[in-house]
């Protein structure tokens, strides 16, 4: 399990290049709405819940991730784009 703030998670999502939700979904065998739900989306008509737990608190609250596969893939895409995760996550 990994903990990250909600705002850090959203900054990572917002830093991804266009098409990343579809790309991650294709690579992991899930729909893009399920990937969006991982990053805080709420489309449960076309997407599924992906094992995140929200706890209230500062910086948008704490997000506990059961499985970091989507996050790891997103960070890999940022790395490909030469985007420094620490600068993104810290705002």
PDB file of N, CA and C in Angstrom:
ATOM      1  N   UNK A   1       0.853  -1.175   0.000  1.00  0.00           N
ATOM      2  CA  UNK A   1       0.000   0.000   0.000  1.00  0.00           C
ATOM      3  C   UNK A   1       0.899   1.238   0.000  1.00  0.00           C
ATOM      4  N   UNK A   2       0.476   2.237  -0.726  1.00  0.00           N
ATOM      5  CA  UNK A   2       1.228   3.489  -0.808  1.00  0.00           C
ATOM      6  C   UNK A   2       0.304   4.651  -0.485  1.00  0.00           C
ATOM      7  N   UNK A   3       0.845   5.659   0.165  1.00  0.00           N
ATOM      8  CA  UNK A   3       0.080   6.855   0.501  1.00  0.00           C
ATOM      9  C   UNK A   3       0.621   8.034  -0.300  1.00  0.00           C
ATOM     10  N   UNK A   4      -0.297   8.871  -0.770  1.00  0.00           N
ATOM     11  CA  UNK A   4       0.035  10.081  -1.529  1.00  0.00           C
ATOM     12  C   UNK A   4      -1.103  11.067  -1.262  1.00  0.00           C
ATOM     13  N   UNK A   5      -0.837  12.353  -1.319  1.00  0.00           N
ATOM     14  CA  UNK A   5      -1.948  13.284  -1.131  1.00  0.00           C
ATOM     15  C   UNK A   5      -2.784  13.340  -2.407  1.00  0.00           C
ATOM     16  N   UNK A   6      -4.047  13.692  -2.226  1.00  0.00           N
ATOM     17  CA  UNK A   6      -4.944  13.794  -3.373  1.00  0.00           C
ATOM     18  C   UNK A   6      -4.425  14.846  -4.357  1.00  0.00           C
ATOM     19  N   UNK A   7      -3.962  15.968  -3.845  1.00  0.00           N
ATOM     20  CA  UNK A   7      -3.463  17.022  -4.730  1.00  0.00           C
ATOM     21  C   UNK A   7      -2.222  16.575  -5.502  1.00  0.00           C
ATOM     22  N   UNK A   8      -1.341  15.786  -4.883  1.00  0.00           N
ATOM     23  CA  UNK A   8      -0.178  15.257  -5.603  1.00  0.00           C
ATOM     24  C   UNK A   8      -0.650  14.340  -6.728  1.00  0.00           C
ATOM     25  N   UNK A   9      -1.612  13.492  -6.443  1.00  0.00           N
ATOM     26  CA  UNK A   9      -2.139  12.571  -7.446  1.00  0.00           C
ATOM     27  C   UNK A   9      -2.740  13.338  -8.617  1.00  0.00           C
ATOM     28  N   UNK A  10      -3.481  14.399  -8.327  1.00  0.00           N
ATOM     29  CA  UNK A  10      -4.084  15.209  -9.399  1.00  0.00           C
ATOM     30  C   UNK A  10      -3.024  15.947 -10.208  1.00  0.00           C
ATOM     31  N   UNK A  11      -1.961  16.425  -9.548  1.00  0.00           N
ATOM     32  CA  UNK A  11      -0.892  17.103 -10.290  1.00  0.00           C
ATOM     33  C   UNK A  11      -0.200  16.138 -11.243  1.00  0.00           C
ATOM     34  N   UNK A  12      -0.028  14.907 -10.818  1.00  0.00           N
ATOM     35  CA  UNK A  12       0.566  13.901 -11.707  1.00  0.00           C
ATOM     36  C   UNK A  12      -0.341  13.703 -12.914  1.00  0.00           C
ATOM     37  N   UNK A  13      -1.634  13.512 -12.670  1.00  0.00           N
ATOM     38  CA  UNK A  13      -2.586  13.325 -13.774  1.00  0.00           C
ATOM     39  C   UNK A  13      -2.570  14.518 -14.719  1.00  0.00           C
ATOM     40  N   UNK A  14      -2.596  15.715 -14.162  1.00  0.00           N
ATOM     41  CA  UNK A  14      -2.642  16.925 -14.987  1.00  0.00           C
ATOM     42  C   UNK A  14      -1.355  17.138 -15.779  1.00  0.00           C
ATOM     43  N   UNK A  15      -0.258  16.529 -15.361  1.00  0.00           N
ATOM     44  CA  UNK A  15       1.022  16.671 -16.064  1.00  0.00           C
ATOM     45  C   UNK A  15       1.189  15.660 -17.197  1.00  0.00           C
ATOM     46  N   UNK A  16       0.328  14.660 -17.250  1.00  0.00           N
ATOM     47  CA  UNK A  16       0.446  13.638 -18.290  1.00  0.00           C
ATOM     48  C   UNK A  16       0.060  14.211 -19.650  1.00  0.00           C
ATOM     49  N   UNK A  17       0.731  13.767 -20.705  1.00  0.00           N
ATOM     50  CA  UNK A  17       0.373  14.239 -22.042  1.00  0.00           C
ATOM     51  C   UNK A  17      -1.001  13.723 -22.468  1.00  0.00           C
ATOM     52  N   UNK A  18      -1.606  14.411 -23.422  1.00  0.00           N
ATOM     53  CA  UNK A  18      -2.901  13.998 -23.963  1.00  0.00           C
ATOM     54  C   UNK A  18      -2.835  12.542 -24.408  1.00  0.00           C
ATOM     55  N   UNK A  19      -3.902  11.815 -24.168  1.00  0.00           N
ATOM     56  CA  UNK A  19      -3.992  10.419 -24.578  1.00  0.00           C
ATOM     57  C   UNK A  19      -3.438   9.427 -23.566  1.00  0.00           C
ATOM     58  N   UNK A  20      -2.911   9.928 -22.457  1.00  0.00           N
ATOM     59  CA  UNK A  20      -2.290   9.036 -21.475  1.00  0.00           C
ATOM     60  C   UNK A  20      -3.303   8.123 -20.786  1.00  0.00           C
ATOM     61  N   UNK A  21      -4.514   8.588 -20.536  1.00  0.00           N
ATOM     62  CA  UNK A  21      -5.508   7.738 -19.874  1.00  0.00           C
ATOM     63  C   UNK A  21      -5.822   6.532 -20.761  1.00  0.00           C
ATOM     64  N   UNK A  22      -5.976   6.783 -22.059  1.00  0.00           N
ATOM     65  CA  UNK A  22      -6.245   5.705 -23.009  1.00  0.00           C
ATOM     66  C   UNK A  22      -5.036   4.778 -23.098  1.00  0.00           C
ATOM     67  N   UNK A  23      -3.841   5.344 -23.176  1.00  0.00           N
ATOM     68  CA  UNK A  23      -2.616   4.545 -23.278  1.00  0.00           C
ATOM     69  C   UNK A  23      -2.441   3.635 -22.060  1.00  0.00           C
ATOM     70  N   UNK A  24      -2.605   4.204 -20.862  1.00  0.00           N
ATOM     71  CA  UNK A  24      -2.467   3.404 -19.648  1.00  0.00           C
ATOM     72  C   UNK A  24      -3.535   2.313 -19.627  1.00  0.00           C
ATOM     73  N   UNK A  25      -4.765   2.679 -19.978  1.00  0.00           N
ATOM     74  CA  UNK A  25      -5.841   1.697 -20.018  1.00  0.00           C
ATOM     75  C   UNK A  25      -5.548   0.561 -20.985  1.00  0.00           C
ATOM     76  N   UNK A  26      -5.074   0.906 -22.173  1.00  0.00           N
ATOM     77  CA  UNK A  26      -4.735  -0.118 -23.166  1.00  0.00           C
ATOM     78  C   UNK A  26      -3.630  -1.031 -22.652  1.00  0.00           C
ATOM     79  N   UNK A  27      -2.600  -0.444 -22.061  1.00  0.00           N
ATOM     80  CA  UNK A  27      -1.460  -1.233 -21.577  1.00  0.00           C
ATOM     81  C   UNK A  27      -1.841  -2.137 -20.408  1.00  0.00           C
ATOM     82  N   UNK A  28      -2.807  -1.704 -19.595  1.00  0.00           N
ATOM     83  CA  UNK A  28      -3.172  -2.470 -18.401  1.00  0.00           C
ATOM     84  C   UNK A  28      -4.476  -3.249 -18.550  1.00  0.00           C
ATOM     85  N   UNK A  29      -5.081  -3.179 -19.734  1.00  0.00           N
ATOM     86  CA  UNK A  29      -6.297  -3.938 -19.983  1.00  0.00           C
ATOM     87  C   UNK A  29      -7.518  -3.419 -19.243  1.00  0.00           C
ATOM     88  N   UNK A  30      -7.605  -2.095 -19.131  1.00  0.00           N
ATOM     89  CA  UNK A  30      -8.776  -1.473 -18.492  1.00  0.00           C
ATOM     90  C   UNK A  30      -9.187  -0.262 -19.312  1.00  0.00           C
ATOM     91  N   UNK A  31     -10.395   0.177 -19.133  1.00  0.00           N
ATOM     92  CA  UNK A  31     -10.877   1.331 -19.879  1.00  0.00           C
ATOM     93  C   UNK A  31     -10.282   2.631 -19.360  1.00  0.00           C
ATOM     94  N   UNK A  32     -10.257   3.659 -20.214  1.00  0.00           N
ATOM     95  CA  UNK A  32      -9.702   4.942 -19.793  1.00  0.00           C
ATOM     96  C   UNK A  32     -10.474   5.578 -18.643  1.00  0.00           C
ATOM     97  N   UNK A  33     -11.779   5.314 -18.529  1.00  0.00           N
ATOM     98  CA  UNK A  33     -12.547   5.876 -17.410  1.00  0.00           C
ATOM     99  C   UNK A  33     -12.132   5.241 -16.086  1.00  0.00           C
ATOM    100  N   UNK A  34     -11.745   3.981 -16.100  1.00  0.00           N
ATOM    101  CA  UNK A  34     -11.243   3.347 -14.890  1.00  0.00           C
ATOM    102  C   UNK A  34      -9.927   3.988 -14.477  1.00  0.00           C
ATOM    103  N   UNK A  35      -9.079   4.310 -15.455  1.00  0.00           N
ATOM    104  CA  UNK A  35      -7.813   4.998 -15.161  1.00  0.00           C
ATOM    105  C   UNK A  35      -8.115   6.380 -14.588  1.00  0.00           C
ATOM    106  N   UNK A  36      -9.051   7.101 -15.186  1.00  0.00           N
ATOM    107  CA  UNK A  36      -9.433   8.420 -14.664  1.00  0.00           C
ATOM    108  C   UNK A  36      -9.954   8.309 -13.223  1.00  0.00           C
ATOM    109  N   UNK A  37     -10.718   7.265 -12.940  1.00  0.00           N
ATOM    110  CA  UNK A  37     -11.237   7.060 -11.586  1.00  0.00           C
ATOM    111  C   UNK A  37     -10.091   6.884 -10.592  1.00  0.00           C
ATOM    112  N   UNK A  38      -9.008   6.260 -11.016  1.00  0.00           N
ATOM    113  CA  UNK A  38      -7.831   6.113 -10.155  1.00  0.00           C
ATOM    114  C   UNK A  38      -7.307   7.479  -9.730  1.00  0.00           C
ATOM    115  N   UNK A  39      -7.370   8.444 -10.639  1.00  0.00           N
ATOM    116  CA  UNK A  39      -6.867   9.786 -10.373  1.00  0.00           C
ATOM    117  C   UNK A  39      -7.930  10.711  -9.788  1.00  0.00           C
ATOM    118  N   UNK A  40      -9.015  10.146  -9.297  1.00  0.00           N
ATOM    119  CA  UNK A  40     -10.026  10.945  -8.616  1.00  0.00           C
ATOM    120  C   UNK A  40     -11.302  11.154  -9.393  1.00  0.00           C
ATOM    121  N   UNK A  41     -11.395  10.586 -10.591  1.00  0.00           N
ATOM    122  CA  UNK A  41     -12.623  10.698 -11.372  1.00  0.00           C
ATOM    123  C   UNK A  41     -13.751   9.913 -10.712  1.00  0.00           C
ATOM    124  N   UNK A  42     -14.949  10.149 -11.166  1.00  0.00           N
ATOM    125  CA  UNK A  42     -16.101   9.463 -10.570  1.00  0.00           C
ATOM    126  C   UNK A  42     -17.061   8.952 -11.640  1.00  0.00           C
ATOM    127  N   UNK A  43     -16.525   8.398 -12.728  1.00  0.00           N
ATOM    128  CA  UNK A  43     -17.376   7.849 -13.779  1.00  0.00           C
ATOM    129  C   UNK A  43     -17.504   6.348 -13.553  1.00  0.00           C
ATOM    130  N   UNK A  44     -18.522   5.958 -12.802  1.00  0.00           N
ATOM    131  CA  UNK A  44     -18.702   4.553 -12.518  1.00  0.00           C
ATOM    132  C   UNK A  44     -19.689   3.893 -13.471  1.00  0.00           C
ATOM    133  N   UNK A  45     -20.219   4.670 -14.425  1.00  0.00           N
ATOM    134  CA  UNK A  45     -21.066   4.076 -15.463  1.00  0.00           C
ATOM    135  C   UNK A  45     -20.181   3.318 -16.446  1.00  0.00           C
ATOM    136  N   UNK A  46     -19.072   3.930 -16.867  1.00  0.00           N
ATOM    137  CA  UNK A  46     -18.180   3.307 -17.835  1.00  0.00           C
ATOM    138  C   UNK A  46     -16.864   2.843 -17.215  1.00  0.00           C
ATOM    139  N   UNK A  47     -16.569   3.270 -15.994  1.00  0.00           N
ATOM    140  CA  UNK A  47     -15.323   2.894 -15.332  1.00  0.00           C
ATOM    141  C   UNK A  47     -15.611   2.192 -14.019  1.00  0.00           C
ATOM    142  N   UNK A  48     -14.574   1.668 -13.443  1.00  0.00           N
ATOM    143  CA  UNK A  48     -14.707   0.920 -12.195  1.00  0.00           C
ATOM    144  C   UNK A  48     -13.901   1.575 -11.091  1.00  0.00           C
ATOM    145  N   UNK A  49     -14.182   1.178  -9.862  1.00  0.00           N
ATOM    146  CA  UNK A  49     -13.386   1.592  -8.715  1.00  0.00           C
ATOM    147  C   UNK A  49     -12.061   0.834  -8.790  1.00  0.00           C
ATOM    148  N   UNK A  50     -10.967   1.495  -8.442  1.00  0.00           N
ATOM    149  CA  UNK A  50      -9.657   0.882  -8.651  1.00  0.00           C
ATOM    150  C   UNK A  50      -8.817   0.767  -7.394  1.00  0.00           C
ATOM    151  N   UNK A  51      -9.411   0.671  -6.237  1.00  0.00           N
ATOM    152  CA  UNK A  51      -8.655   0.416  -5.022  1.00  0.00           C
ATOM    153  C   UNK A  51      -7.948   1.609  -4.428  1.00  0.00           C
ATOM    154  N   UNK A  52      -8.649   2.739  -4.402  1.00  0.00           N
ATOM    155  CA  UNK A  52      -8.100   3.900  -3.703  1.00  0.00           C
ATOM    156  C   UNK A  52      -9.021   4.209  -2.535  1.00  0.00           C
ATOM    157  N   UNK A  53      -8.432   4.676  -1.460  1.00  0.00           N
ATOM    158  CA  UNK A  53      -9.178   5.028  -0.267  1.00  0.00           C
ATOM    159  C   UNK A  53      -8.804   6.451   0.117  1.00  0.00           C
ATOM    160  N   UNK A  54      -9.783   7.305   0.287  1.00  0.00           N
ATOM    161  CA  UNK A  54      -9.549   8.709   0.603  1.00  0.00           C
ATOM    162  C   UNK A  54      -9.746   8.962   2.091  1.00  0.00           C
ATOM    163  N   UNK A  55      -8.809   9.675   2.670  1.00  0.00           N
ATOM    164  CA  UNK A  55      -8.886  10.090   4.068  1.00  0.00           C
ATOM    165  C   UNK A  55      -8.831  11.614   4.092  1.00  0.00           C
ATOM    166  N   UNK A  56      -9.743  12.286   4.776  1.00  0.00           N
ATOM    167  CA  UNK A  56      -9.710  13.741   4.837  1.00  0.00           C
ATOM    168  C   UNK A  56      -8.407  14.242   5.466  1.00  0.00           C
ATOM    169  N   UNK A  57      -7.985  15.410   5.017  1.00  0.00           N
ATOM    170  CA  UNK A  57      -6.787  16.013   5.588  1.00  0.00           C
ATOM    171  C   UNK A  57      -6.268  17.133   4.711  1.00  0.00           C
ATOM    172  N   UNK A  58      -5.113  17.688   5.080  1.00  0.00           N
ATOM    173  CA  UNK A  58      -4.538  18.787   4.301  1.00  0.00           C
ATOM    174  C   UNK A  58      -4.097  18.330   2.916  1.00  0.00           C
ATOM    175  N   UNK A  59      -3.937  19.279   2.011  1.00  0.00           N
ATOM    176  CA  UNK A  59      -3.494  19.035   0.633  1.00  0.00           C
ATOM    177  C   UNK A  59      -4.441  18.096  -0.106  1.00  0.00           C
ATOM    178  N   UNK A  60      -5.742  18.255   0.160  1.00  0.00           N
ATOM    179  CA  UNK A  60      -6.754  17.454  -0.514  1.00  0.00           C
ATOM    180  C   UNK A  60      -7.047  16.138   0.163  1.00  0.00           C
ATOM    181  N   UNK A  61      -6.339  15.841   1.226  1.00  0.00           N
ATOM    182  CA  UNK A  61      -6.524  14.583   1.936  1.00  0.00           C
ATOM    183  C   UNK A  61      -5.499  13.555   1.495  1.00  0.00           C
ATOM    184  N   UNK A  62      -5.522  12.444   2.162  1.00  0.00           N
ATOM    185  CA  UNK A  62      -4.575  11.377   1.898  1.00  0.00           C
ATOM    186  C   UNK A  62      -5.255  10.297   1.072  1.00  0.00           C
ATOM    187  N   UNK A  63      -4.563   9.803   0.059  1.00  0.00           N
ATOM    188  CA  UNK A  63      -5.062   8.716  -0.772  1.00  0.00           C
ATOM    189  C   UNK A  63      -4.207   7.493  -0.476  1.00  0.00           C
ATOM    190  N   UNK A  64      -4.846   6.408  -0.076  1.00  0.00           N
ATOM    191  CA  UNK A  64      -4.155   5.148   0.148  1.00  0.00           C
ATOM    192  C   UNK A  64      -4.425   4.251  -1.047  1.00  0.00           C
ATOM    193  N   UNK A  65      -3.367   3.810  -1.693  1.00  0.00           N
ATOM    194  CA  UNK A  65      -3.474   3.012  -2.910  1.00  0.00           C
ATOM    195  C   UNK A  65      -3.220   1.546  -2.593  1.00  0.00           C
ATOM    196  N   UNK A  66      -4.196   0.685  -2.896  1.00  0.00           N
ATOM    197  CA  UNK A  66      -4.013  -0.756  -2.719  1.00  0.00           C
ATOM    198  C   UNK A  66      -3.016  -1.306  -3.729  1.00  0.00           C
ATOM    199  N   UNK A  67      -3.068  -0.774  -4.939  1.00  0.00           N
ATOM    200  CA  UNK A  67      -2.235  -1.252  -6.046  1.00  0.00           C
ATOM    201  C   UNK A  67      -1.702  -0.027  -6.765  1.00  0.00           C
ATOM    202  N   UNK A  68      -0.398   0.064  -6.934  1.00  0.00           N
ATOM    203  CA  UNK A  68       0.220   1.255  -7.532  1.00  0.00           C
ATOM    204  C   UNK A  68       0.501   1.098  -9.025  1.00  0.00           C
ATOM    205  N   UNK A  69      -0.038   0.079  -9.669  1.00  0.00           N
ATOM    206  CA  UNK A  69       0.277  -0.185 -11.070  1.00  0.00           C
ATOM    207  C   UNK A  69      -0.049   1.013 -11.964  1.00  0.00           C
ATOM    208  N   UNK A  70      -1.225   1.617 -11.807  1.00  0.00           N
ATOM    209  CA  UNK A  70      -1.605   2.769 -12.634  1.00  0.00           C
ATOM    210  C   UNK A  70      -0.667   3.948 -12.354  1.00  0.00           C
ATOM    211  N   UNK A  71      -0.409   4.216 -11.080  1.00  0.00           N
ATOM    212  CA  UNK A  71       0.501   5.299 -10.718  1.00  0.00           C
ATOM    213  C   UNK A  71       1.899   5.045 -11.279  1.00  0.00           C
ATOM    214  N   UNK A  72       2.386   3.830 -11.150  1.00  0.00           N
ATOM    215  CA  UNK A  72       3.712   3.497 -11.669  1.00  0.00           C
ATOM    216  C   UNK A  72       3.790   3.711 -13.178  1.00  0.00           C
ATOM    217  N   UNK A  73       2.730   3.353 -13.894  1.00  0.00           N
ATOM    218  CA  UNK A  73       2.712   3.546 -15.347  1.00  0.00           C
ATOM    219  C   UNK A  73       2.674   5.033 -15.681  1.00  0.00           C
ATOM    220  N   UNK A  74       1.883   5.810 -14.923  1.00  0.00           N
ATOM    221  CA  UNK A  74       1.824   7.260 -15.142  1.00  0.00           C
ATOM    222  C   UNK A  74       3.194   7.890 -14.900  1.00  0.00           C
ATOM    223  N   UNK A  75       3.869   7.481 -13.831  1.00  0.00           N
ATOM    224  CA  UNK A  75       5.207   8.015 -13.555  1.00  0.00           C
ATOM    225  C   UNK A  75       6.195   7.613 -14.643  1.00  0.00           C
ATOM    226  N   UNK A  76       6.007   6.431 -15.212  1.00  0.00           N
ATOM    227  CA  UNK A  76       6.848   6.002 -16.335  1.00  0.00           C
ATOM    228  C   UNK A  76       6.652   6.894 -17.549  1.00  0.00           C
ATOM    229  N   UNK A  77       5.414   7.291 -17.810  1.00  0.00           N
ATOM    230  CA  UNK A  77       5.133   8.194 -18.934  1.00  0.00           C
ATOM    231  C   UNK A  77       5.764   9.556 -18.673  1.00  0.00           C
ATOM    232  N   UNK A  78       5.649  10.056 -17.442  1.00  0.00           N
ATOM    233  CA  UNK A  78       6.296  11.328 -17.111  1.00  0.00           C
ATOM    234  C   UNK A  78       7.807  11.224 -17.309  1.00  0.00           C
ATOM    235  N   UNK A  79       8.374  10.090 -16.925  1.00  0.00           N
ATOM    236  CA  UNK A  79       9.806   9.875 -17.103  1.00  0.00           C
ATOM    237  C   UNK A  79      10.175   9.891 -18.587  1.00  0.00           C
ATOM    238  N   UNK A  80       9.350   9.268 -19.425  1.00  0.00           N
ATOM    239  CA  UNK A  80       9.581   9.288 -20.874  1.00  0.00           C
ATOM    240  C   UNK A  80       9.569  10.710 -21.422  1.00  0.00           C
ATOM    241  N   UNK A  81       8.732  11.549 -20.829  1.00  0.00           N
ATOM    242  CA  UNK A  81       8.595  12.935 -21.270  1.00  0.00           C
ATOM    243  C   UNK A  81       9.626  13.841 -20.604  1.00  0.00           C
ATOM    244  N   UNK A  82      10.510  13.223 -19.800  1.00  0.00           N
ATOM    245  CA  UNK A  82      11.546  13.941 -19.057  1.00  0.00           C
ATOM    246  C   UNK A  82      10.948  14.967 -18.094  1.00  0.00           C
ATOM    247  N   UNK A  83       9.815  14.602 -17.494  1.00  0.00           N
ATOM    248  CA  UNK A  83       9.158  15.444 -16.506  1.00  0.00           C
ATOM    249  C   UNK A  83       9.544  14.920 -15.133  1.00  0.00           C
ATOM    250  N   UNK A  84      10.085  15.766 -14.296  1.00  0.00           N
ATOM    251  CA  UNK A  84      10.561  15.382 -12.966  1.00  0.00           C
ATOM    252  C   UNK A  84       9.376  15.225 -12.025  1.00  0.00           C
ATOM    253  N   UNK A  85       9.141  13.997 -11.572  1.00  0.00           N
ATOM    254  CA  UNK A  85       8.023  13.702 -10.668  1.00  0.00           C
ATOM    255  C   UNK A  85       8.059  14.567  -9.420  1.00  0.00           C
ATOM    256  N   UNK A  86       9.228  14.749  -8.832  1.00  0.00           N
ATOM    257  CA  UNK A  86       9.307  15.525  -7.596  1.00  0.00           C
ATOM    258  C   UNK A  86       8.825  16.958  -7.799  1.00  0.00           C
ATOM    259  N   UNK A  87       9.133  17.547  -8.934  1.00  0.00           N
ATOM    260  CA  UNK A  87       8.662  18.910  -9.201  1.00  0.00           C
ATOM    261  C   UNK A  87       7.151  18.916  -9.418  1.00  0.00           C
ATOM    262  N   UNK A  88       6.620  17.890 -10.080  1.00  0.00           N
ATOM    263  CA  UNK A  88       5.184  17.792 -10.329  1.00  0.00           C
ATOM    264  C   UNK A  88       4.454  17.574  -9.016  1.00  0.00           C
ATOM    265  N   UNK A  89       4.876  16.595  -8.236  1.00  0.00           N
ATOM    266  CA  UNK A  89       4.168  16.236  -7.015  1.00  0.00           C
ATOM    267  C   UNK A  89       4.211  17.309  -5.959  1.00  0.00           C
ATOM    268  N   UNK A  90       5.279  18.069  -5.947  1.00  0.00           N
ATOM    269  CA  UNK A  90       5.414  19.103  -4.920  1.00  0.00           C
ATOM    270  C   UNK A  90       4.811  20.430  -5.347  1.00  0.00           C
ATOM    271  N   UNK A  91       4.392  20.506  -6.591  1.00  0.00           N
ATOM    272  CA  UNK A  91       3.735  21.712  -7.088  1.00  0.00           C
ATOM    273  C   UNK A  91       4.687  22.817  -7.216  1.00  0.00           C
TER     274      UNK A  91
END
